[in-house]
């Protein structure tokens, strides 16, 4: 008697693997989108906290550019997400005298992120 697998046995194993992959892959994609959303909110909160800390240290004056936050000694924040695309989101930073607005926009809505997030002066995340 020869030892080995029959074609039917191999086809059953392949079908089971395909079924498991069909169940697992959508869940993994949703987890990635959820992680991108959380990271975007976190980056916006970091930008806001750095700007609010800058204003507290500088007599209520908010920064007029990102280099005020990244170039200070010690820096208020180490990484500059403004104008960059990271983890499925593009970050836009607007500085003005007495205010700021930071926006995180998904590169592809529904694929890289679920929503556009905005945080404004005072740290209100929308």
PDB file of N, CA and C in Angstrom:
ATOM      1  N   UNK A   1       0.827  -1.165   0.000  1.00  0.00           N
ATOM      2  CA  UNK A   1       0.000   0.000   0.000  1.00  0.00           C
ATOM      3  C   UNK A   1       0.889   1.253   0.000  1.00  0.00           C
ATOM      4  N   UNK A   2       0.555   2.228  -0.876  1.00  0.00           N
ATOM      5  CA  UNK A   2       1.318   3.471  -0.977  1.00  0.00           C
ATOM      6  C   UNK A   2       0.823   4.460   0.070  1.00  0.00           C
ATOM      7  N   UNK A   3       1.780   5.209   0.622  1.00  0.00           N
ATOM      8  CA  UNK A   3       1.430   6.210   1.622  1.00  0.00           C
ATOM      9  C   UNK A   3       1.368   7.570   0.934  1.00  0.00           C
ATOM     10  N   UNK A   4       0.475   8.430   1.412  1.00  0.00           N
ATOM     11  CA  UNK A   4       0.348   9.775   0.867  1.00  0.00           C
ATOM     12  C   UNK A   4      -1.084  10.259   0.980  1.00  0.00           C
ATOM     13  N   UNK A   5      -1.318  11.460   0.458  1.00  0.00           N
ATOM     14  CA  UNK A   5      -2.636  12.062   0.514  1.00  0.00           C
ATOM     15  C   UNK A   5      -3.335  11.874  -0.818  1.00  0.00           C
ATOM     16  N   UNK A   6      -4.639  11.709  -0.766  1.00  0.00           N
ATOM     17  CA  UNK A   6      -5.405  11.629  -2.006  1.00  0.00           C
ATOM     18  C   UNK A   6      -5.760  13.035  -2.446  1.00  0.00           C
ATOM     19  N   UNK A   7      -6.160  13.182  -3.674  1.00  0.00           N
ATOM     20  CA  UNK A   7      -6.544  14.480  -4.227  1.00  0.00           C
ATOM     21  C   UNK A   7      -7.727  15.050  -3.447  1.00  0.00           C
ATOM     22  N   UNK A   8      -8.651  14.244  -3.054  1.00  0.00           N
ATOM     23  CA  UNK A   8      -9.826  14.699  -2.309  1.00  0.00           C
ATOM     24  C   UNK A   8      -9.409  15.254  -0.950  1.00  0.00           C
ATOM     25  N   UNK A   9      -8.498  14.594  -0.267  1.00  0.00           N
ATOM     26  CA  UNK A   9      -8.024  15.075   1.032  1.00  0.00           C
ATOM     27  C   UNK A   9      -7.329  16.433   0.901  1.00  0.00           C
ATOM     28  N   UNK A  10      -6.520  16.569  -0.116  1.00  0.00           N
ATOM     29  CA  UNK A  10      -5.822  17.849  -0.343  1.00  0.00           C
ATOM     30  C   UNK A  10      -6.825  18.944  -0.669  1.00  0.00           C
ATOM     31  N   UNK A  11      -7.828  18.644  -1.479  1.00  0.00           N
ATOM     32  CA  UNK A  11      -8.844  19.640  -1.833  1.00  0.00           C
ATOM     33  C   UNK A  11      -9.640  20.074  -0.601  1.00  0.00           C
ATOM     34  N   UNK A  12      -9.918  19.157   0.319  1.00  0.00           N
ATOM     35  CA  UNK A  12     -10.636  19.502   1.546  1.00  0.00           C
ATOM     36  C   UNK A  12      -9.791  20.433   2.404  1.00  0.00           C
ATOM     37  N   UNK A  13      -8.503  20.161   2.521  1.00  0.00           N
ATOM     38  CA  UNK A  13      -7.608  21.020   3.305  1.00  0.00           C
ATOM     39  C   UNK A  13      -7.534  22.417   2.688  1.00  0.00           C
ATOM     40  N   UNK A  14      -7.417  22.505   1.372  1.00  0.00           N
ATOM     41  CA  UNK A  14      -7.361  23.803   0.686  1.00  0.00           C
ATOM     42  C   UNK A  14      -8.668  24.564   0.902  1.00  0.00           C
ATOM     43  N   UNK A  15      -9.801  23.869   0.836  1.00  0.00           N
ATOM     44  CA  UNK A  15     -11.095  24.517   1.044  1.00  0.00           C
ATOM     45  C   UNK A  15     -11.213  25.056   2.465  1.00  0.00           C
ATOM     46  N   UNK A  16     -10.735  24.324   3.449  1.00  0.00           N
ATOM     47  CA  UNK A  16     -10.780  24.779   4.843  1.00  0.00           C
ATOM     48  C   UNK A  16      -9.896  26.013   5.027  1.00  0.00           C
ATOM     49  N   UNK A  17      -8.706  25.997   4.446  1.00  0.00           N
ATOM     50  CA  UNK A  17      -7.803  27.153   4.539  1.00  0.00           C
ATOM     51  C   UNK A  17      -8.433  28.373   3.869  1.00  0.00           C
ATOM     52  N   UNK A  18      -9.065  28.190   2.720  1.00  0.00           N
ATOM     53  CA  UNK A  18      -9.722  29.302   2.026  1.00  0.00           C
ATOM     54  C   UNK A  18     -10.868  29.864   2.866  1.00  0.00           C
ATOM     55  N   UNK A  19     -11.626  29.009   3.511  1.00  0.00           N
ATOM     56  CA  UNK A  19     -12.719  29.451   4.365  1.00  0.00           C
ATOM     57  C   UNK A  19     -12.206  30.261   5.546  1.00  0.00           C
ATOM     58  N   UNK A  20     -11.160  29.793   6.186  1.00  0.00           N
ATOM     59  CA  UNK A  20     -10.568  30.527   7.304  1.00  0.00           C
ATOM     60  C   UNK A  20     -10.020  31.883   6.862  1.00  0.00           C
ATOM     61  N   UNK A  21      -9.394  31.920   5.691  1.00  0.00           N
ATOM     62  CA  UNK A  21      -8.872  33.190   5.165  1.00  0.00           C
ATOM     63  C   UNK A  21     -10.011  34.156   4.855  1.00  0.00           C
ATOM     64  N   UNK A  22     -11.108  33.645   4.310  1.00  0.00           N
ATOM     65  CA  UNK A  22     -12.254  34.505   3.995  1.00  0.00           C
ATOM     66  C   UNK A  22     -12.861  35.114   5.252  1.00  0.00           C
ATOM     67  N   UNK A  23     -12.761  34.428   6.356  1.00  0.00           N
ATOM     68  CA  UNK A  23     -13.272  34.953   7.627  1.00  0.00           C
ATOM     69  C   UNK A  23     -12.280  35.926   8.257  1.00  0.00           C
ATOM     70  N   UNK A  24     -10.999  35.617   8.197  1.00  0.00           N
ATOM     71  CA  UNK A  24      -9.981  36.396   8.908  1.00  0.00           C
ATOM     72  C   UNK A  24      -9.586  37.694   8.212  1.00  0.00           C
ATOM     73  N   UNK A  25      -9.458  37.702   6.901  1.00  0.00           N
ATOM     74  CA  UNK A  25      -8.924  38.875   6.191  1.00  0.00           C
ATOM     75  C   UNK A  25      -9.777  40.128   6.396  1.00  0.00           C
ATOM     76  N   UNK A  26     -11.097  40.093   6.271  1.00  0.00           N
ATOM     77  CA  UNK A  26     -11.873  41.321   6.521  1.00  0.00           C
ATOM     78  C   UNK A  26     -11.686  41.862   7.944  1.00  0.00           C
ATOM     79  N   UNK A  27     -11.581  40.955   8.917  1.00  0.00           N
ATOM     80  CA  UNK A  27     -11.357  41.408  10.298  1.00  0.00           C
ATOM     81  C   UNK A  27     -10.010  42.092  10.448  1.00  0.00           C
ATOM     82  N   UNK A  28      -8.997  41.598   9.780  1.00  0.00           N
ATOM     83  CA  UNK A  28      -7.675  42.224   9.838  1.00  0.00           C
ATOM     84  C   UNK A  28      -7.700  43.601   9.182  1.00  0.00           C
ATOM     85  N   UNK A  29      -8.420  43.738   8.071  1.00  0.00           N
ATOM     86  CA  UNK A  29      -8.513  45.038   7.397  1.00  0.00           C
ATOM     87  C   UNK A  29      -9.244  46.053   8.274  1.00  0.00           C
ATOM     88  N   UNK A  30     -10.314  45.625   8.929  1.00  0.00           N
ATOM     89  CA  UNK A  30     -11.028  46.528   9.845  1.00  0.00           C
ATOM     90  C   UNK A  30     -10.133  46.947  11.011  1.00  0.00           C
ATOM     91  N   UNK A  31      -9.331  46.026  11.487  1.00  0.00           N
ATOM     92  CA  UNK A  31      -8.421  46.357  12.592  1.00  0.00           C
ATOM     93  C   UNK A  31      -7.397  47.393  12.153  1.00  0.00           C
ATOM     94  N   UNK A  32      -6.912  47.293  10.918  1.00  0.00           N
ATOM     95  CA  UNK A  32      -5.934  48.262  10.408  1.00  0.00           C
ATOM     96  C   UNK A  32      -6.572  49.646  10.286  1.00  0.00           C
ATOM     97  N   UNK A  33      -7.793  49.710   9.772  1.00  0.00           N
ATOM     98  CA  UNK A  33      -8.489  50.992   9.644  1.00  0.00           C
ATOM     99  C   UNK A  33      -8.725  51.599  11.027  1.00  0.00           C
ATOM    100  N   UNK A  34      -9.127  50.782  11.979  1.00  0.00           N
ATOM    101  CA  UNK A  34      -9.352  51.256  13.340  1.00  0.00           C
ATOM    102  C   UNK A  34      -8.058  51.788  13.958  1.00  0.00           C
ATOM    103  N   UNK A  35      -6.952  51.110  13.698  1.00  0.00           N
ATOM    104  CA  UNK A  35      -5.649  51.565  14.204  1.00  0.00           C
ATOM    105  C   UNK A  35      -5.255  52.891  13.563  1.00  0.00           C
ATOM    106  N   UNK A  36      -5.501  53.041  12.259  1.00  0.00           N
ATOM    107  CA  UNK A  36      -5.198  54.307  11.575  1.00  0.00           C
ATOM    108  C   UNK A  36      -6.018  55.452  12.168  1.00  0.00           C
ATOM    109  N   UNK A  37      -7.302  55.193  12.436  1.00  0.00           N
ATOM    110  CA  UNK A  37      -8.153  56.221  13.040  1.00  0.00           C
ATOM    111  C   UNK A  37      -7.623  56.647  14.410  1.00  0.00           C
ATOM    112  N   UNK A  38      -7.280  55.667  15.224  1.00  0.00           N
ATOM    113  CA  UNK A  38      -6.761  55.971  16.569  1.00  0.00           C
ATOM    114  C   UNK A  38      -5.453  56.749  16.491  1.00  0.00           C
ATOM    115  N   UNK A  39      -4.587  56.375  15.545  1.00  0.00           N
ATOM    116  CA  UNK A  39      -3.312  57.075  15.390  1.00  0.00           C
ATOM    117  C   UNK A  39      -3.535  58.516  14.938  1.00  0.00           C
ATOM    118  N   UNK A  40      -4.482  58.732  14.028  1.00  0.00           N
ATOM    119  CA  UNK A  40      -4.775  60.091  13.557  1.00  0.00           C
ATOM    120  C   UNK A  40      -5.269  60.965  14.707  1.00  0.00           C
ATOM    121  N   UNK A  41      -6.194  60.434  15.502  1.00  0.00           N
ATOM    122  CA  UNK A  41      -6.689  61.195  16.653  1.00  0.00           C
ATOM    123  C   UNK A  41      -5.553  61.489  17.630  1.00  0.00           C
ATOM    124  N   UNK A  42      -4.683  60.519  17.838  1.00  0.00           N
ATOM    125  CA  UNK A  42      -3.556  60.709  18.748  1.00  0.00           C
ATOM    126  C   UNK A  42      -2.601  61.782  18.270  1.00  0.00           C
ATOM    127  N   UNK A  43      -2.304  61.783  16.969  1.00  0.00           N
ATOM    128  CA  UNK A  43      -1.407  62.814  16.425  1.00  0.00           C
ATOM    129  C   UNK A  43      -2.025  64.201  16.559  1.00  0.00           C
ATOM    130  N   UNK A  44      -3.332  64.313  16.307  1.00  0.00           N
ATOM    131  CA  UNK A  44      -3.990  65.606  16.453  1.00  0.00           C
ATOM    132  C   UNK A  44      -3.965  66.068  17.911  1.00  0.00           C
ATOM    133  N   UNK A  45      -4.186  65.159  18.825  1.00  0.00           N
ATOM    134  CA  UNK A  45      -4.127  65.521  20.251  1.00  0.00           C
ATOM    135  C   UNK A  45      -2.715  65.943  20.657  1.00  0.00           C
ATOM    136  N   UNK A  46      -1.711  65.280  20.091  1.00  0.00           N
ATOM    137  CA  UNK A  46      -0.322  65.654  20.380  1.00  0.00           C
ATOM    138  C   UNK A  46      -0.034  67.058  19.865  1.00  0.00           C
ATOM    139  N   UNK A  47      -0.471  67.357  18.636  1.00  0.00           N
ATOM    140  CA  UNK A  47      -0.286  68.708  18.082  1.00  0.00           C
ATOM    141  C   UNK A  47      -0.987  69.747  18.955  1.00  0.00           C
ATOM    142  N   UNK A  48      -2.212  69.444  19.368  1.00  0.00           N
ATOM    143  CA  UNK A  48      -2.975  70.374  20.192  1.00  0.00           C
ATOM    144  C   UNK A  48      -2.316  70.587  21.554  1.00  0.00           C
ATOM    145  N   UNK A  49      -1.902  69.515  22.185  1.00  0.00           N
ATOM    146  CA  UNK A  49      -1.247  69.621  23.494  1.00  0.00           C
ATOM    147  C   UNK A  49       0.036  70.430  23.399  1.00  0.00           C
ATOM    148  N   UNK A  50       0.811  70.189  22.344  1.00  0.00           N
ATOM    149  CA  UNK A  50       2.050  70.945  22.154  1.00  0.00           C
ATOM    150  C   UNK A  50       1.747  72.432  21.954  1.00  0.00           C
ATOM    151  N   UNK A  51       0.708  72.737  21.172  1.00  0.00           N
ATOM    152  CA  UNK A  51       0.346  74.142  20.936  1.00  0.00           C
ATOM    153  C   UNK A  51      -0.165  74.811  22.199  1.00  0.00           C
ATOM    154  N   UNK A  52      -0.984  74.091  22.973  1.00  0.00           N
ATOM    155  CA  UNK A  52      -1.497  74.659  24.222  1.00  0.00           C
ATOM    156  C   UNK A  52      -0.368  74.868  25.231  1.00  0.00           C
ATOM    157  N   UNK A  53       0.571  73.928  25.290  1.00  0.00           N
ATOM    158  CA  UNK A  53       1.718  74.071  26.187  1.00  0.00           C
ATOM    159  C   UNK A  53       2.582  75.248  25.752  1.00  0.00           C
ATOM    160  N   UNK A  54       2.779  75.406  24.441  1.00  0.00           N
ATOM    161  CA  UNK A  54       3.528  76.544  23.899  1.00  0.00           C
ATOM    162  C   UNK A  54       2.857  77.846  24.342  1.00  0.00           C
ATOM    163  N   UNK A  55       1.523  77.921  24.199  1.00  0.00           N
ATOM    164  CA  UNK A  55       0.805  79.148  24.563  1.00  0.00           C
ATOM    165  C   UNK A  55       0.928  79.440  26.056  1.00  0.00           C
ATOM    166  N   UNK A  56       0.873  78.402  26.885  1.00  0.00           N
ATOM    167  CA  UNK A  56       1.009  78.586  28.330  1.00  0.00           C
ATOM    168  C   UNK A  56       2.387  79.144  28.672  1.00  0.00           C
ATOM    169  N   UNK A  57       3.396  78.636  27.980  1.00  0.00           N
ATOM    170  CA  UNK A  57       4.776  79.059  28.231  1.00  0.00           C
ATOM    171  C   UNK A  57       5.063  80.445  27.665  1.00  0.00           C
ATOM    172  N   UNK A  58       4.326  80.857  26.634  1.00  0.00           N
ATOM    173  CA  UNK A  58       4.609  82.109  25.927  1.00  0.00           C
ATOM    174  C   UNK A  58       3.490  83.140  26.090  1.00  0.00           C
ATOM    175  N   UNK A  59       3.044  83.341  27.304  1.00  0.00           N
ATOM    176  CA  UNK A  59       2.074  84.385  27.651  1.00  0.00           C
ATOM    177  C   UNK A  59       0.791  84.330  26.838  1.00  0.00           C
ATOM    178  N   UNK A  60       0.305  83.132  26.530  1.00  0.00           N
ATOM    179  CA  UNK A  60      -0.954  82.981  25.804  1.00  0.00           C
ATOM    180  C   UNK A  60      -0.843  83.092  24.298  1.00  0.00           C
ATOM    181  N   UNK A  61       0.372  83.262  23.788  1.00  0.00           N
ATOM    182  CA  UNK A  61       0.567  83.365  22.338  1.00  0.00           C
ATOM    183  C   UNK A  61       0.759  81.970  21.750  1.00  0.00           C
ATOM    184  N   UNK A  62      -0.073  81.631  20.772  1.00  0.00           N
ATOM    185  CA  UNK A  62       0.041  80.331  20.115  1.00  0.00           C
ATOM    186  C   UNK A  62       1.148  80.367  19.069  1.00  0.00           C
ATOM    187  N   UNK A  63       1.704  79.209  18.716  1.00  0.00           N
ATOM    188  CA  UNK A  63       2.763  79.186  17.704  1.00  0.00           C
ATOM    189  C   UNK A  63       2.224  79.631  16.342  1.00  0.00           C
ATOM    190  N   UNK A  64       3.088  80.268  15.560  1.00  0.00           N
ATOM    191  CA  UNK A  64       2.700  80.710  14.223  1.00  0.00           C
ATOM    192  C   UNK A  64       3.181  79.749  13.134  1.00  0.00           C
ATOM    193  N   UNK A  65       3.988  78.781  13.539  1.00  0.00           N
ATOM    194  CA  UNK A  65       4.480  77.770  12.585  1.00  0.00           C
ATOM    195  C   UNK A  65       4.897  76.526  13.354  1.00  0.00           C
ATOM    196  N   UNK A  66       4.984  75.412  12.642  1.00  0.00           N
ATOM    197  CA  UNK A  66       5.300  74.135  13.272  1.00  0.00           C
ATOM    198  C   UNK A  66       6.705  74.115  13.855  1.00  0.00           C
ATOM    199  N   UNK A  67       7.618  74.886  13.263  1.00  0.00           N
ATOM    200  CA  UNK A  67       8.992  74.880  13.771  1.00  0.00           C
ATOM    201  C   UNK A  67       9.087  75.464  15.178  1.00  0.00           C
ATOM    202  N   UNK A  68       8.090  76.252  15.578  1.00  0.00           N
ATOM    203  CA  UNK A  68       8.060  76.756  16.958  1.00  0.00           C
ATOM    204  C   UNK A  68       7.872  75.612  17.948  1.00  0.00           C
ATOM    205  N   UNK A  69       7.225  74.550  17.489  1.00  0.00           N
ATOM    206  CA  UNK A  69       6.984  73.392  18.349  1.00  0.00           C
ATOM    207  C   UNK A  69       8.108  72.364  18.260  1.00  0.00           C
ATOM    208  N   UNK A  70       8.631  72.155  17.055  1.00  0.00           N
ATOM    209  CA  UNK A  70       9.648  71.116  16.866  1.00  0.00           C
ATOM    210  C   UNK A  70      11.069  71.632  17.066  1.00  0.00           C
ATOM    211  N   UNK A  71      11.276  72.933  16.913  1.00  0.00           N
ATOM    212  CA  UNK A  71      12.627  73.479  16.989  1.00  0.00           C
ATOM    213  C   UNK A  71      12.991  74.092  18.321  1.00  0.00           C
ATOM    214  N   UNK A  72      12.055  74.097  19.257  1.00  0.00           N
ATOM    215  CA  UNK A  72      12.330  74.673  20.579  1.00  0.00           C
ATOM    216  C   UNK A  72      13.284  73.773  21.359  1.00  0.00           C
ATOM    217  N   UNK A  73      13.894  74.336  22.404  1.00  0.00           N
ATOM    218  CA  UNK A  73      14.789  73.549  23.260  1.00  0.00           C
ATOM    219  C   UNK A  73      14.254  73.579  24.679  1.00  0.00           C
ATOM    220  N   UNK A  74      13.762  72.495  25.212  1.00  0.00           N
ATOM    221  CA  UNK A  74      13.497  71.224  24.539  1.00  0.00           C
ATOM    222  C   UNK A  74      12.264  71.362  23.636  1.00  0.00           C
ATOM    223  N   UNK A  75      12.141  70.495  22.631  1.00  0.00           N
ATOM    224  CA  UNK A  75      11.005  70.612  21.700  1.00  0.00           C
ATOM    225  C   UNK A  75       9.676  70.249  22.371  1.00  0.00           C
ATOM    226  N   UNK A  76       8.610  70.909  21.937  1.00  0.00           N
ATOM    227  CA  UNK A  76       7.276  70.586  22.442  1.00  0.00           C
ATOM    228  C   UNK A  76       6.782  69.271  21.840  1.00  0.00           C
ATOM    229  N   UNK A  77       7.286  68.939  20.677  1.00  0.00           N
ATOM    230  CA  UNK A  77       7.007  67.660  20.031  1.00  0.00           C
ATOM    231  C   UNK A  77       8.165  67.319  19.111  1.00  0.00           C
ATOM    232  N   UNK A  78       8.417  66.026  18.910  1.00  0.00           N
ATOM    233  CA  UNK A  78       9.605  65.618  18.159  1.00  0.00           C
ATOM    234  C   UNK A  78       9.337  65.395  16.678  1.00  0.00           C
ATOM    235  N   UNK A  79       8.125  64.996  16.321  1.00  0.00           N
ATOM    236  CA  UNK A  79       7.828  64.661  14.928  1.00  0.00           C
ATOM    237  C   UNK A  79       6.883  65.692  14.340  1.00  0.00           C
ATOM    238  N   UNK A  80       7.080  66.024  13.075  1.00  0.00           N
ATOM    239  CA  UNK A  80       6.242  66.998  12.385  1.00  0.00           C
ATOM    240  C   UNK A  80       5.347  66.282  11.376  1.00  0.00           C
ATOM    241  N   UNK A  81       4.073  66.060  11.700  1.00  0.00           N
ATOM    242  CA  UNK A  81       3.182  65.410  10.740  1.00  0.00           C
ATOM    243  C   UNK A  81       2.575  66.380   9.723  1.00  0.00           C
ATOM    244  N   UNK A  82       2.711  67.686   9.951  1.00  0.00           N
ATOM    245  CA  UNK A  82       2.066  68.689   9.097  1.00  0.00           C
ATOM    246  C   UNK A  82       2.525  68.570   7.637  1.00  0.00           C
ATOM    247  N   UNK A  83       1.542  68.499   6.737  1.00  0.00           N
ATOM    248  CA  UNK A  83       1.832  68.413   5.313  1.00  0.00           C
ATOM    249  C   UNK A  83       2.306  67.039   4.871  1.00  0.00           C
ATOM    250  N   UNK A  84       2.225  66.053   5.737  1.00  0.00           N
ATOM    251  CA  UNK A  84       2.699  64.712   5.405  1.00  0.00           C
ATOM    252  C   UNK A  84       1.551  63.717   5.426  1.00  0.00           C
ATOM    253  N   UNK A  85       1.796  62.588   4.765  1.00  0.00           N
ATOM    254  CA  UNK A  85       0.861  61.471   4.802  1.00  0.00           C
ATOM    255  C   UNK A  85       1.507  60.356   5.599  1.00  0.00           C
ATOM    256  N   UNK A  86       0.799  59.932   6.660  1.00  0.00           N
ATOM    257  CA  UNK A  86       1.309  58.867   7.527  1.00  0.00           C
ATOM    258  C   UNK A  86       0.165  57.951   7.915  1.00  0.00           C
ATOM    259  N   UNK A  87       0.394  56.675   7.833  1.00  0.00           N
ATOM    260  CA  UNK A  87      -0.570  55.664   8.267  1.00  0.00           C
ATOM    261  C   UNK A  87      -1.974  55.917   7.721  1.00  0.00           C
ATOM    262  N   UNK A  88      -2.058  56.239   6.448  1.00  0.00           N
ATOM    263  CA  UNK A  88      -3.350  56.380   5.788  1.00  0.00           C
ATOM    264  C   UNK A  88      -4.033  57.720   5.941  1.00  0.00           C
ATOM    265  N   UNK A  89      -3.406  58.680   6.606  1.00  0.00           N
ATOM    266  CA  UNK A  89      -3.985  60.010   6.794  1.00  0.00           C
ATOM    267  C   UNK A  89      -3.019  61.092   6.339  1.00  0.00           C
ATOM    268  N   UNK A  90      -3.575  62.172   5.787  1.00  0.00           N
ATOM    269  CA  UNK A  90      -2.808  63.356   5.424  1.00  0.00           C
ATOM    270  C   UNK A  90      -3.136  64.439   6.444  1.00  0.00           C
ATOM    271  N   UNK A  91      -2.095  65.089   6.957  1.00  0.00           N
ATOM    272  CA  UNK A  91      -2.258  66.073   8.021  1.00  0.00           C
ATOM    273  C   UNK A  91      -2.058  67.484   7.479  1.00  0.00           C
ATOM    274  N   UNK A  92      -2.999  68.371   7.820  1.00  0.00           N
ATOM    275  CA  UNK A  92      -2.932  69.775   7.434  1.00  0.00           C
ATOM    276  C   UNK A  92      -2.935  70.614   8.701  1.00  0.00           C
ATOM    277  N   UNK A  93      -1.989  71.531   8.797  1.00  0.00           N
ATOM    278  CA  UNK A  93      -1.864  72.367   9.990  1.00  0.00           C
ATOM    279  C   UNK A  93      -1.994  73.835   9.598  1.00  0.00           C
ATOM    280  N   UNK A  94      -2.873  74.545  10.305  1.00  0.00           N
ATOM    281  CA  UNK A  94      -3.059  75.976  10.066  1.00  0.00           C
ATOM    282  C   UNK A  94      -2.806  76.710  11.371  1.00  0.00           C
ATOM    283  N   UNK A  95      -1.821  77.603  11.335  1.00  0.00           N
ATOM    284  CA  UNK A  95      -1.482  78.407  12.503  1.00  0.00           C
ATOM    285  C   UNK A  95      -1.875  79.853  12.224  1.00  0.00           C
ATOM    286  N   UNK A  96      -2.448  80.516  13.219  1.00  0.00           N
ATOM    287  CA  UNK A  96      -2.790  81.935  13.100  1.00  0.00           C
ATOM    288  C   UNK A  96      -2.551  82.578  14.463  1.00  0.00           C
ATOM    289  N   UNK A  97      -2.512  83.890  14.457  1.00  0.00           N
ATOM    290  CA  UNK A  97      -2.323  84.597  15.726  1.00  0.00           C
ATOM    291  C   UNK A  97      -3.522  84.298  16.616  1.00  0.00           C
ATOM    292  N   UNK A  98      -3.278  83.614  17.712  1.00  0.00           N
ATOM    293  CA  UNK A  98      -4.331  83.326  18.671  1.00  0.00           C
ATOM    294  C   UNK A  98      -5.132  82.061  18.414  1.00  0.00           C
ATOM    295  N   UNK A  99      -4.767  81.285  17.393  1.00  0.00           N
ATOM    296  CA  UNK A  99      -5.538  80.067  17.139  1.00  0.00           C
ATOM    297  C   UNK A  99      -4.744  79.070  16.293  1.00  0.00           C
ATOM    298  N   UNK A 100      -5.298  77.876  16.202  1.00  0.00           N
ATOM    299  CA  UNK A 100      -4.736  76.840  15.339  1.00  0.00           C
ATOM    300  C   UNK A 100      -5.855  75.899  14.923  1.00  0.00           C
ATOM    301  N   UNK A 101      -5.646  75.225  13.816  1.00  0.00           N
ATOM    302  CA  UNK A 101      -6.556  74.178  13.345  1.00  0.00           C
ATOM    303  C   UNK A 101      -5.706  73.081  12.730  1.00  0.00           C
ATOM    304  N   UNK A 102      -5.917  71.857  13.179  1.00  0.00           N
ATOM    305  CA  UNK A 102      -5.212  70.696  12.639  1.00  0.00           C
ATOM    306  C   UNK A 102      -6.250  69.718  12.103  1.00  0.00           C
ATOM    307  N   UNK A 103      -6.016  69.223  10.882  1.00  0.00           N
ATOM    308  CA  UNK A 103      -6.967  68.334  10.222  1.00  0.00           C
ATOM    309  C   UNK A 103      -6.247  67.069   9.766  1.00  0.00           C
ATOM    310  N   UNK A 104      -6.870  65.926  10.021  1.00  0.00           N
ATOM    311  CA  UNK A 104      -6.381  64.631   9.533  1.00  0.00           C
ATOM    312  C   UNK A 104      -7.430  64.096   8.563  1.00  0.00           C
ATOM    313  N   UNK A 105      -7.036  63.925   7.293  1.00  0.00           N
ATOM    314  CA  UNK A 105      -7.944  63.463   6.249  1.00  0.00           C
ATOM    315  C   UNK A 105      -7.488  62.105   5.746  1.00  0.00           C
ATOM    316  N   UNK A 106      -8.398  61.111   5.678  1.00  0.00           N
ATOM    317  CA  UNK A 106      -7.975  59.796   5.167  1.00  0.00           C
ATOM    318  C   UNK A 106      -7.584  59.885   3.699  1.00  0.00           C
ATOM    319  N   UNK A 107      -6.525  59.177   3.330  1.00  0.00           N
ATOM    320  CA  UNK A 107      -6.080  59.158   1.935  1.00  0.00           C
ATOM    321  C   UNK A 107      -7.183  58.580   1.060  1.00  0.00           C
ATOM    322  N   UNK A 108      -7.757  57.475   1.483  1.00  0.00           N
ATOM    323  CA  UNK A 108      -8.880  56.847   0.795  1.00  0.00           C
ATOM    324  C   UNK A 108      -9.931  56.526   1.847  1.00  0.00           C
ATOM    325  N   UNK A 109     -11.021  57.302   1.854  1.00  0.00           N
ATOM    326  CA  UNK A 109     -12.056  57.108   2.863  1.00  0.00           C
ATOM    327  C   UNK A 109     -12.623  55.699   2.774  1.00  0.00           C
ATOM    328  N   UNK A 110     -12.727  55.053   3.918  1.00  0.00           N
ATOM    329  CA  UNK A 110     -13.247  53.696   3.976  1.00  0.00           C
ATOM    330  C   UNK A 110     -12.185  52.624   3.822  1.00  0.00           C
ATOM    331  N   UNK A 111     -11.021  52.998   3.287  1.00  0.00           N
ATOM    332  CA  UNK A 111      -9.945  52.032   3.099  1.00  0.00           C
ATOM    333  C   UNK A 111      -8.779  52.305   4.032  1.00  0.00           C
ATOM    334  N   UNK A 112      -8.352  53.568   4.114  1.00  0.00           N
ATOM    335  CA  UNK A 112      -7.241  53.904   5.002  1.00  0.00           C
ATOM    336  C   UNK A 112      -7.713  54.550   6.298  1.00  0.00           C
ATOM    337  N   UNK A 113      -8.959  55.029   6.317  1.00  0.00           N
ATOM    338  CA  UNK A 113      -9.529  55.646   7.500  1.00  0.00           C
ATOM    339  C   UNK A 113     -11.010  55.857   7.299  1.00  0.00           C
ATOM    340  N   UNK A 114     -11.724  56.125   8.390  1.00  0.00           N
ATOM    341  CA  UNK A 114     -13.179  56.227   8.279  1.00  0.00           C
ATOM    342  C   UNK A 114     -13.700  57.652   8.217  1.00  0.00           C
ATOM    343  N   UNK A 115     -12.971  58.614   8.780  1.00  0.00           N
ATOM    344  CA  UNK A 115     -13.505  59.973   8.860  1.00  0.00           C
ATOM    345  C   UNK A 115     -12.381  60.997   8.848  1.00  0.00           C
ATOM    346  N   UNK A 116     -12.758  62.247   8.567  1.00  0.00           N
ATOM    347  CA  UNK A 116     -11.834  63.372   8.679  1.00  0.00           C
ATOM    348  C   UNK A 116     -11.980  63.926  10.087  1.00  0.00           C
ATOM    349  N   UNK A 117     -10.848  64.098  10.761  1.00  0.00           N
ATOM    350  CA  UNK A 117     -10.845  64.610  12.134  1.00  0.00           C
ATOM    351  C   UNK A 117     -10.227  65.996  12.147  1.00  0.00           C
ATOM    352  N   UNK A 118     -10.807  66.877  12.977  1.00  0.00           N
ATOM    353  CA  UNK A 118     -10.325  68.248  13.120  1.00  0.00           C
ATOM    354  C   UNK A 118     -10.205  68.572  14.597  1.00  0.00           C
ATOM    355  N   UNK A 119      -9.112  69.234  14.960  1.00  0.00           N
ATOM    356  CA  UNK A 119      -8.962  69.723  16.338  1.00  0.00           C
ATOM    357  C   UNK A 119      -8.601  71.203  16.236  1.00  0.00           C
ATOM    358  N   UNK A 120      -9.246  72.018  17.065  1.00  0.00           N
ATOM    359  CA  UNK A 120      -9.062  73.462  16.998  1.00  0.00           C
ATOM    360  C   UNK A 120      -8.574  73.989  18.340  1.00  0.00           C
ATOM    361  N   UNK A 121      -8.356  75.278  18.384  1.00  0.00           N
ATOM    362  CA  UNK A 121      -7.872  75.947  19.578  1.00  0.00           C
ATOM    363  C   UNK A 121      -8.696  75.527  20.796  1.00  0.00           C
ATOM    364  N   UNK A 122      -8.006  75.167  21.841  1.00  0.00           N
ATOM    365  CA  UNK A 122      -8.666  74.691  23.045  1.00  0.00           C
ATOM    366  C   UNK A 122      -8.716  73.181  23.132  1.00  0.00           C
ATOM    367  N   UNK A 123      -8.316  72.487  22.055  1.00  0.00           N
ATOM    368  CA  UNK A 123      -8.242  71.037  22.077  1.00  0.00           C
ATOM    369  C   UNK A 123      -9.544  70.307  21.825  1.00  0.00           C
ATOM    370  N   UNK A 124     -10.474  70.941  21.082  1.00  0.00           N
ATOM    371  CA  UNK A 124     -11.754  70.310  20.807  1.00  0.00           C
ATOM    372  C   UNK A 124     -11.607  69.452  19.546  1.00  0.00           C
ATOM    373  N   UNK A 125     -11.740  68.145  19.709  1.00  0.00           N
ATOM    374  CA  UNK A 125     -11.621  67.200  18.585  1.00  0.00           C
ATOM    375  C   UNK A 125     -13.001  66.950  17.998  1.00  0.00           C
ATOM    376  N   UNK A 126     -13.107  67.117  16.680  1.00  0.00           N
ATOM    377  CA  UNK A 126     -14.385  66.905  15.982  1.00  0.00           C
ATOM    378  C   UNK A 126     -14.216  65.851  14.915  1.00  0.00           C
TER     379      UNK A 126
END
